[in-house]
Amino acid sequence: EFSPDMGASCPACHGQEEGKLADGTCSTDSEDDAQVADWIGLSHAGEAQGLASVAEESAEDPDALDGESSSVVSADQSEQNDDTRAIAESHRPSRIPADDPSFVKNDAKKKNRKKSGTLRKVLLLRHGQTDANKTGKDVLDPFLADSGRQQAKSWTGHIGRFGAKLVLISPLRRAVETACIALEGTRVPLRICRHAREQFWDDLYNTLGSPERMNRLLLELPRGTDVQGAFEALTPQADDPVDERESVECLRRTLMQCKESSVMVVSHQGTISKLTGKNVENCELLECDLRRSGRLRVVRRYLPP
């Protein structure tokens, strides 16, 4: 995935579908390389081979596989064993169980996720597919494609079972559409969050629109009139982050400051990757523990139902 940190150009991957990595060598940011190396090349088709690689890497270097620097692990050795045990499972995307409405609660008990180092649960949902995802064309703040709306709709009636108490939404239209469609029928508060936007701000694809344009869209969407914060999120402020990296850190701080026990963020591949070191498919959901250190540990991954 192309990043402004990589330099002037990255012909191997820039211009491809949003969030798709061509290989594991295009980033010059060593920390980001370590974070994404464990997921590059892991596809649904090659899942068995990828998981074998995961187990081998876990035995050799659990710290690198977990996507965290050695300094973080050294600061909290008690987290290392927990993270290593969860690695293989967190790499395997699964389907949400169809007939077990208590699966999230039971899974939390099995993993003993309520420990002193965890602030809250964070659910990261990537938006559904756009035509630009399929063609690679850089178009202005695109809508969901029909396939993307179907992906979002597949979560309707299921996503509420994860127990989010607040949903933060990127101010880009594809994320807003995804959130409103997926969360139809729920009562969880919906708020647009400027810092949940995608990376690569110079691309038309990630250019924010106006509050007026967003309000017109919201009138057409299920739960659209429940969405708060459009004007604030789409109006430039004096204290706005100066670049993409700072924006991600602002989102991380927002998650740490939330009072809710479980927060969902409807966002984008680039931003989710920066937060977790993981690549995600369109409308894939990552269930994470937010640690007191600010790091997000992926507990489990879910494909659209």
Protein backbone atom coordinates (compact mmCIF):
# COMPACT_ATOMS: atom_id res chain seq x y z
CA GLU A 1 0.00 0.00 0.00
CA PHE A 2 1.40 3.36 -0.99
CA SER A 3 2.17 5.78 1.79
CA PRO A 4 3.55 9.33 1.73
CA ASP A 5 6.33 8.04 3.98
CA MET A 6 7.65 5.81 1.21
CA GLY A 7 9.04 8.58 -0.95
CA ALA A 8 8.21 10.03 -4.33
CA SER A 9 6.68 6.92 -5.84
CA CYS A 10 6.00 3.28 -5.30
CA PRO A 11 5.31 1.79 -8.75
CA ALA A 12 4.77 -1.68 -7.35
CA CYS A 13 1.54 -0.77 -5.60
CA HIS A 14 0.46 2.89 -5.95
CA GLY A 15 -2.72 3.24 -7.92
CA GLN A 16 -3.97 -0.23 -7.13
CA GLU A 17 -7.18 -0.99 -5.35
CA GLU A 18 -7.29 0.77 -1.98
CA GLY A 19 -5.60 -1.23 0.77
CA LYS A 20 -4.00 -3.89 -1.46
CA LEU A 21 -0.31 -4.63 -0.90
CA ALA A 22 1.69 -5.70 -3.93
CA ASP A 23 4.51 -7.15 -1.81
CA GLY A 24 6.22 -6.72 1.53
CA THR A 25 9.10 -4.53 0.39
CA CYS A 26 7.55 -1.22 -0.61
CA SER A 27 7.64 0.52 2.78
CA THR A 28 10.75 2.14 4.18
CA ASP A 29 9.19 2.60 7.59
CA SER A 30 10.74 -0.27 9.56
CA GLU A 31 8.10 -0.24 12.26
CA ASP A 32 5.26 -0.42 9.75
CA ASP A 33 7.12 -3.19 7.87
CA ALA A 34 7.30 -5.25 11.04
CA GLN A 35 3.61 -4.67 11.70
CA VAL A 36 2.35 -5.71 8.28
CA ALA A 37 4.86 -8.45 7.51
CA ASP A 38 2.85 -11.04 9.38
CA TRP A 39 -0.20 -10.56 7.16
CA ILE A 40 1.29 -9.85 3.71
CA GLY A 41 0.52 -12.69 1.36
CA LEU A 42 -1.98 -14.33 3.71
CA SER A 43 -5.08 -14.87 1.57
CA HIS A 44 -8.18 -16.94 2.03
CA ALA A 45 -6.98 -19.29 -0.70
CA GLY A 46 -3.56 -19.77 0.93
CA GLU A 47 -4.76 -19.75 4.50
CA ALA A 48 -3.25 -23.07 5.53
CA GLN A 49 0.18 -22.16 4.22
CA GLY A 50 -0.03 -18.75 5.87
CA LEU A 51 -0.97 -20.17 9.23
CA ALA A 52 1.94 -22.59 9.07
CA SER A 53 4.20 -19.61 8.49
CA VAL A 54 2.57 -17.84 11.43
CA ALA A 55 3.32 -20.72 13.75
CA GLU A 56 6.94 -20.89 12.58
CA GLU A 57 7.46 -17.16 13.02
CA SER A 58 5.79 -17.26 16.42
CA ALA A 59 8.31 -19.80 17.63
CA GLU A 60 11.25 -17.77 16.32
CA ASP A 61 10.16 -14.25 17.18
CA PRO A 62 6.80 -13.68 18.93
CA ASP A 63 7.50 -9.95 19.27
CA ALA A 64 7.87 -9.31 15.55
CA LEU A 65 4.84 -11.43 14.70
CA ASP A 66 2.65 -9.55 17.11
CA GLY A 67 3.50 -6.36 15.23
CA GLU A 68 4.87 -4.51 18.24
CA SER A 69 8.35 -3.19 18.90
CA SER A 70 10.55 -4.94 21.44
CA SER A 71 10.44 -1.88 23.64
CA VAL A 72 6.67 -2.20 24.06
CA VAL A 73 6.94 -5.89 24.90
CA SER A 74 9.74 -5.25 27.37
CA ALA A 75 7.62 -2.64 29.08
CA ASP A 76 4.86 -5.17 29.70
CA GLN A 77 6.14 -8.75 29.63
CA SER A 78 2.85 -10.05 30.99
CA GLU A 79 1.16 -9.22 27.68
CA GLN A 80 3.62 -11.21 25.55
CA ASN A 81 2.32 -14.70 26.32
CA ASP A 82 -1.30 -13.60 25.87
CA ASP A 83 -0.48 -12.04 22.50
CA THR A 84 1.50 -15.06 21.28
CA ARG A 85 -1.36 -17.45 22.09
CA ALA A 86 -3.82 -15.26 20.18
CA ILE A 87 -1.67 -14.76 17.07
CA ALA A 88 -2.71 -17.76 14.99
CA GLU A 89 -6.41 -17.25 15.68
CA SER A 90 -6.30 -13.49 15.08
CA HIS A 91 -4.82 -14.17 11.62
CA ARG A 92 -7.69 -16.43 10.54
CA PRO A 93 -10.75 -14.51 9.29
CA SER A 94 -13.94 -16.34 10.24
CA ARG A 95 -17.66 -15.99 9.75
CA ILE A 96 -19.87 -14.73 12.55
CA PRO A 97 -21.70 -17.68 14.17
CA ALA A 98 -25.27 -17.75 12.88
CA ASP A 99 -27.08 -19.32 15.84
CA ASP A 100 -25.19 -18.20 18.94
CA PRO A 101 -26.30 -14.73 20.09
CA SER A 102 -23.94 -14.91 23.08
CA PHE A 103 -20.81 -15.81 21.11
CA VAL A 104 -19.00 -12.54 21.85
CA LYS A 105 -19.59 -12.81 25.58
CA ASN A 106 -18.54 -16.48 25.67
CA ASP A 107 -15.44 -15.82 23.58
CA ALA A 108 -14.43 -13.03 25.93
CA LYS A 109 -14.66 -15.38 28.89
CA LYS A 110 -12.59 -18.05 27.19
CA LYS A 111 -9.81 -15.62 26.39
CA ASN A 112 -9.97 -13.85 29.76
CA ARG A 113 -9.90 -10.54 27.93
CA LYS A 114 -11.01 -8.54 30.96
CA LYS A 115 -7.61 -7.98 32.46
CA SER A 116 -6.01 -4.95 33.99
CA GLY A 117 -4.05 -3.97 30.87
CA THR A 118 -7.14 -3.63 28.64
CA LEU A 119 -9.09 -0.39 28.53
CA ARG A 120 -11.95 -1.45 26.26
CA LYS A 121 -12.96 -3.44 23.23
CA VAL A 122 -12.51 -1.73 19.85
CA LEU A 123 -14.21 -3.01 16.71
CA LEU A 124 -12.68 -1.86 13.42
CA LEU A 125 -14.88 -2.23 10.34
CA ARG A 126 -13.60 -1.44 6.87
CA HIS A 127 -16.11 0.10 4.43
CA GLY A 128 -17.72 -1.92 1.65
CA GLN A 129 -16.39 -2.15 -1.87
CA THR A 130 -16.49 0.81 -4.26
CA ASP A 131 -16.17 0.84 -8.03
CA ALA A 132 -12.83 2.58 -7.50
CA ASN A 133 -11.68 -0.41 -5.42
CA LYS A 134 -12.34 -2.62 -8.43
CA THR A 135 -10.93 -0.35 -11.16
CA GLY A 136 -8.13 1.44 -9.31
CA LYS A 137 -9.33 4.80 -10.68
CA ASP A 138 -8.88 7.84 -8.45
CA VAL A 139 -12.36 9.36 -8.28
CA LEU A 140 -13.69 11.98 -5.89
CA ASP A 141 -14.99 10.54 -2.60
CA PRO A 142 -16.84 7.62 -4.22
CA PHE A 143 -20.05 5.93 -3.12
CA LEU A 144 -20.34 2.23 -2.43
CA ALA A 145 -20.75 -0.05 -5.42
CA ASP A 146 -23.73 -2.41 -5.49
CA SER A 147 -21.40 -5.13 -4.20
CA GLY A 148 -20.32 -2.84 -1.34
CA ARG A 149 -23.90 -2.14 -0.33
CA GLN A 150 -24.57 -5.87 -0.31
CA GLN A 151 -21.53 -6.40 1.91
CA ALA A 152 -22.73 -3.75 4.35
CA LYS A 153 -26.27 -5.12 4.26
CA SER A 154 -24.96 -8.57 5.18
CA TRP A 155 -23.98 -7.17 8.59
CA THR A 156 -27.50 -5.86 9.28
CA GLY A 157 -29.01 -7.80 12.14
CA HIS A 158 -25.64 -9.30 13.10
CA ILE A 159 -23.31 -6.43 13.92
CA GLY A 160 -25.29 -5.35 16.97
CA ARG A 161 -24.30 -8.61 18.66
CA PHE A 162 -20.76 -7.27 19.13
CA GLY A 163 -22.12 -4.87 21.73
CA ALA A 164 -20.67 -1.55 20.58
CA LYS A 165 -21.81 1.37 22.73
CA LEU A 166 -20.59 4.06 20.31
CA VAL A 167 -19.77 4.07 16.58
CA LEU A 168 -17.23 6.51 15.16
CA ILE A 169 -17.42 6.91 11.37
CA SER A 170 -14.98 8.26 8.81
CA PRO A 171 -16.33 11.39 7.07
CA LEU A 172 -15.83 9.81 3.63
CA ARG A 173 -19.07 8.79 1.93
CA ARG A 174 -18.25 5.10 1.49
CA ALA A 175 -17.71 4.70 5.23
CA VAL A 176 -20.85 6.63 6.16
CA GLU A 177 -22.93 4.50 3.79
CA THR A 178 -21.42 1.31 5.23
CA ALA A 179 -22.14 2.34 8.82
CA CYS A 180 -25.71 3.41 8.22
CA ILE A 181 -26.60 0.29 6.25
CA ALA A 182 -24.80 -2.19 8.54
CA LEU A 183 -26.22 -0.65 11.73
CA GLU A 184 -29.80 -0.33 10.53
CA GLY A 185 -32.15 -1.47 13.27
CA THR A 186 -29.74 -0.71 16.12
CA ARG A 187 -29.84 2.16 18.58
CA VAL A 188 -26.12 2.62 19.14
CA PRO A 189 -25.06 6.30 18.79
CA LEU A 190 -23.43 7.17 15.44
CA ARG A 191 -20.89 9.99 15.21
CA ILE A 192 -18.73 11.13 12.32
CA CYS A 193 -15.09 11.44 13.40
CA ARG A 194 -12.66 13.42 11.24
CA HIS A 195 -9.66 11.43 12.47
CA ALA A 196 -11.14 8.13 11.22
CA ARG A 197 -10.59 9.27 7.62
CA GLU A 198 -8.36 7.39 5.18
CA GLN A 199 -4.66 8.04 4.60
CA PHE A 200 -3.24 9.50 1.35
CA TRP A 201 -4.99 12.86 1.59
CA ASP A 202 -3.74 14.07 -1.79
CA ASP A 203 -5.84 11.47 -3.62
CA LEU A 204 -9.27 12.48 -4.92
CA TYR A 205 -10.51 9.19 -3.51
CA ASN A 206 -9.84 10.43 0.02
CA THR A 207 -10.82 14.10 -0.36
CA LEU A 208 -13.41 15.21 2.18
CA GLY A 209 -16.62 16.80 0.95
CA SER A 210 -18.77 19.56 2.42
CA PRO A 211 -21.23 19.31 5.33
CA GLU A 212 -24.06 20.18 2.93
CA ARG A 213 -23.21 17.29 0.62
CA MET A 214 -22.98 14.91 3.56
CA ASN A 215 -26.34 16.03 4.92
CA ARG A 216 -27.97 15.29 1.56
CA LEU A 217 -26.51 11.80 1.64
CA LEU A 218 -27.63 11.18 5.21
CA LEU A 219 -31.24 11.95 4.31
CA GLU A 220 -31.16 9.00 1.90
CA LEU A 221 -29.65 6.45 4.31
CA PRO A 222 -31.17 4.26 7.02
CA ARG A 223 -30.38 5.83 10.40
CA GLY A 224 -28.96 8.81 8.50
CA THR A 225 -30.86 11.30 10.63
CA ASP A 226 -29.28 9.74 13.74
CA VAL A 227 -25.73 10.52 12.62
CA GLN A 228 -24.11 13.31 14.61
CA GLY A 229 -21.04 15.47 14.02
CA ALA A 230 -21.12 15.93 10.23
CA PHE A 231 -20.58 19.69 10.34
CA GLU A 232 -17.69 19.52 12.82
CA ALA A 233 -15.99 16.62 11.03
CA LEU A 234 -16.17 18.24 7.61
CA THR A 235 -15.22 21.77 8.64
CA PRO A 236 -11.44 22.44 8.87
CA GLN A 237 -10.29 23.48 12.34
CA ALA A 238 -7.22 25.41 13.49
CA ASP A 239 -5.96 22.44 15.50
CA ASP A 240 -6.41 19.82 12.76
CA PRO A 241 -3.61 17.24 12.41
CA VAL A 242 -0.93 18.36 9.99
CA ASP A 243 -0.58 14.98 8.27
CA GLU A 244 -1.91 11.45 8.08
CA ARG A 245 0.34 10.05 10.80
CA GLU A 246 -0.78 12.67 13.30
CA SER A 247 -4.40 12.04 12.35
CA VAL A 248 -4.06 8.34 13.22
CA GLU A 249 -2.58 9.25 16.58
CA CYS A 250 -5.48 11.63 17.21
CA LEU A 251 -7.86 8.73 16.51
CA ARG A 252 -5.90 6.52 18.90
CA ARG A 253 -6.16 9.18 21.63
CA THR A 254 -9.89 9.53 20.96
CA LEU A 255 -10.34 5.80 21.50
CA MET A 256 -8.35 5.94 24.71
CA GLN A 257 -10.43 8.84 26.04
CA CYS A 258 -13.83 7.30 25.27
CA LYS A 259 -15.91 6.36 28.30
CA GLU A 260 -17.75 3.53 26.56
CA SER A 261 -16.68 -0.07 27.22
CA SER A 262 -16.88 -0.97 23.54
CA VAL A 263 -16.35 1.35 20.56
CA MET A 264 -16.69 0.62 16.84
CA VAL A 265 -14.81 2.57 14.16
CA VAL A 266 -15.98 2.39 10.54
CA SER A 267 -12.89 3.34 8.60
CA HIS A 268 -10.46 2.33 5.85
CA GLN A 269 -7.67 -0.09 5.02
CA GLY A 270 -4.86 2.44 5.39
CA THR A 271 -6.02 3.74 8.76
CA ILE A 272 -6.83 0.28 10.16
CA SER A 273 -3.42 -0.94 9.03
CA LYS A 274 -1.70 1.96 10.79
CA LEU A 275 -3.61 1.16 13.99
CA THR A 276 -3.13 -2.61 13.98
CA GLY A 277 -0.56 -3.63 11.37
CA LYS A 278 -3.21 -5.77 9.65
CA ASN A 279 -4.62 -5.72 6.13
CA VAL A 280 -8.39 -6.08 5.90
CA GLU A 281 -10.86 -6.98 3.16
CA ASN A 282 -13.82 -4.77 2.32
CA CYS A 283 -16.37 -4.99 5.15
CA GLU A 284 -14.11 -7.20 7.26
CA LEU A 285 -14.32 -6.54 10.99
CA LEU A 286 -11.44 -6.75 13.47
CA GLU A 287 -12.21 -7.30 17.13
CA CYS A 288 -9.44 -5.73 19.20
CA ASP A 289 -8.31 -5.10 22.75
CA LEU A 290 -7.19 -1.53 23.40
CA ARG A 291 -4.36 -1.62 25.92
CA ARG A 292 -3.48 1.12 28.35
CA SER A 293 -0.32 1.70 26.32
CA GLY A 294 -2.49 2.73 23.36
CA ARG A 295 -1.76 -0.32 21.25
CA LEU A 296 -4.54 -2.30 19.62
CA ARG A 297 -4.23 -6.08 19.76
CA VAL A 298 -6.34 -7.99 17.24
CA VAL A 299 -8.24 -10.77 19.00
CA ARG A 300 -10.33 -12.06 16.12
CA ARG A 301 -11.28 -11.23 12.53
CA TYR A 302 -14.69 -11.57 10.91
CA LEU A 303 -15.60 -11.62 7.23
CA PRO A 304 -18.99 -10.25 6.15
CA PRO A 305 -21.72 -12.79 7.03
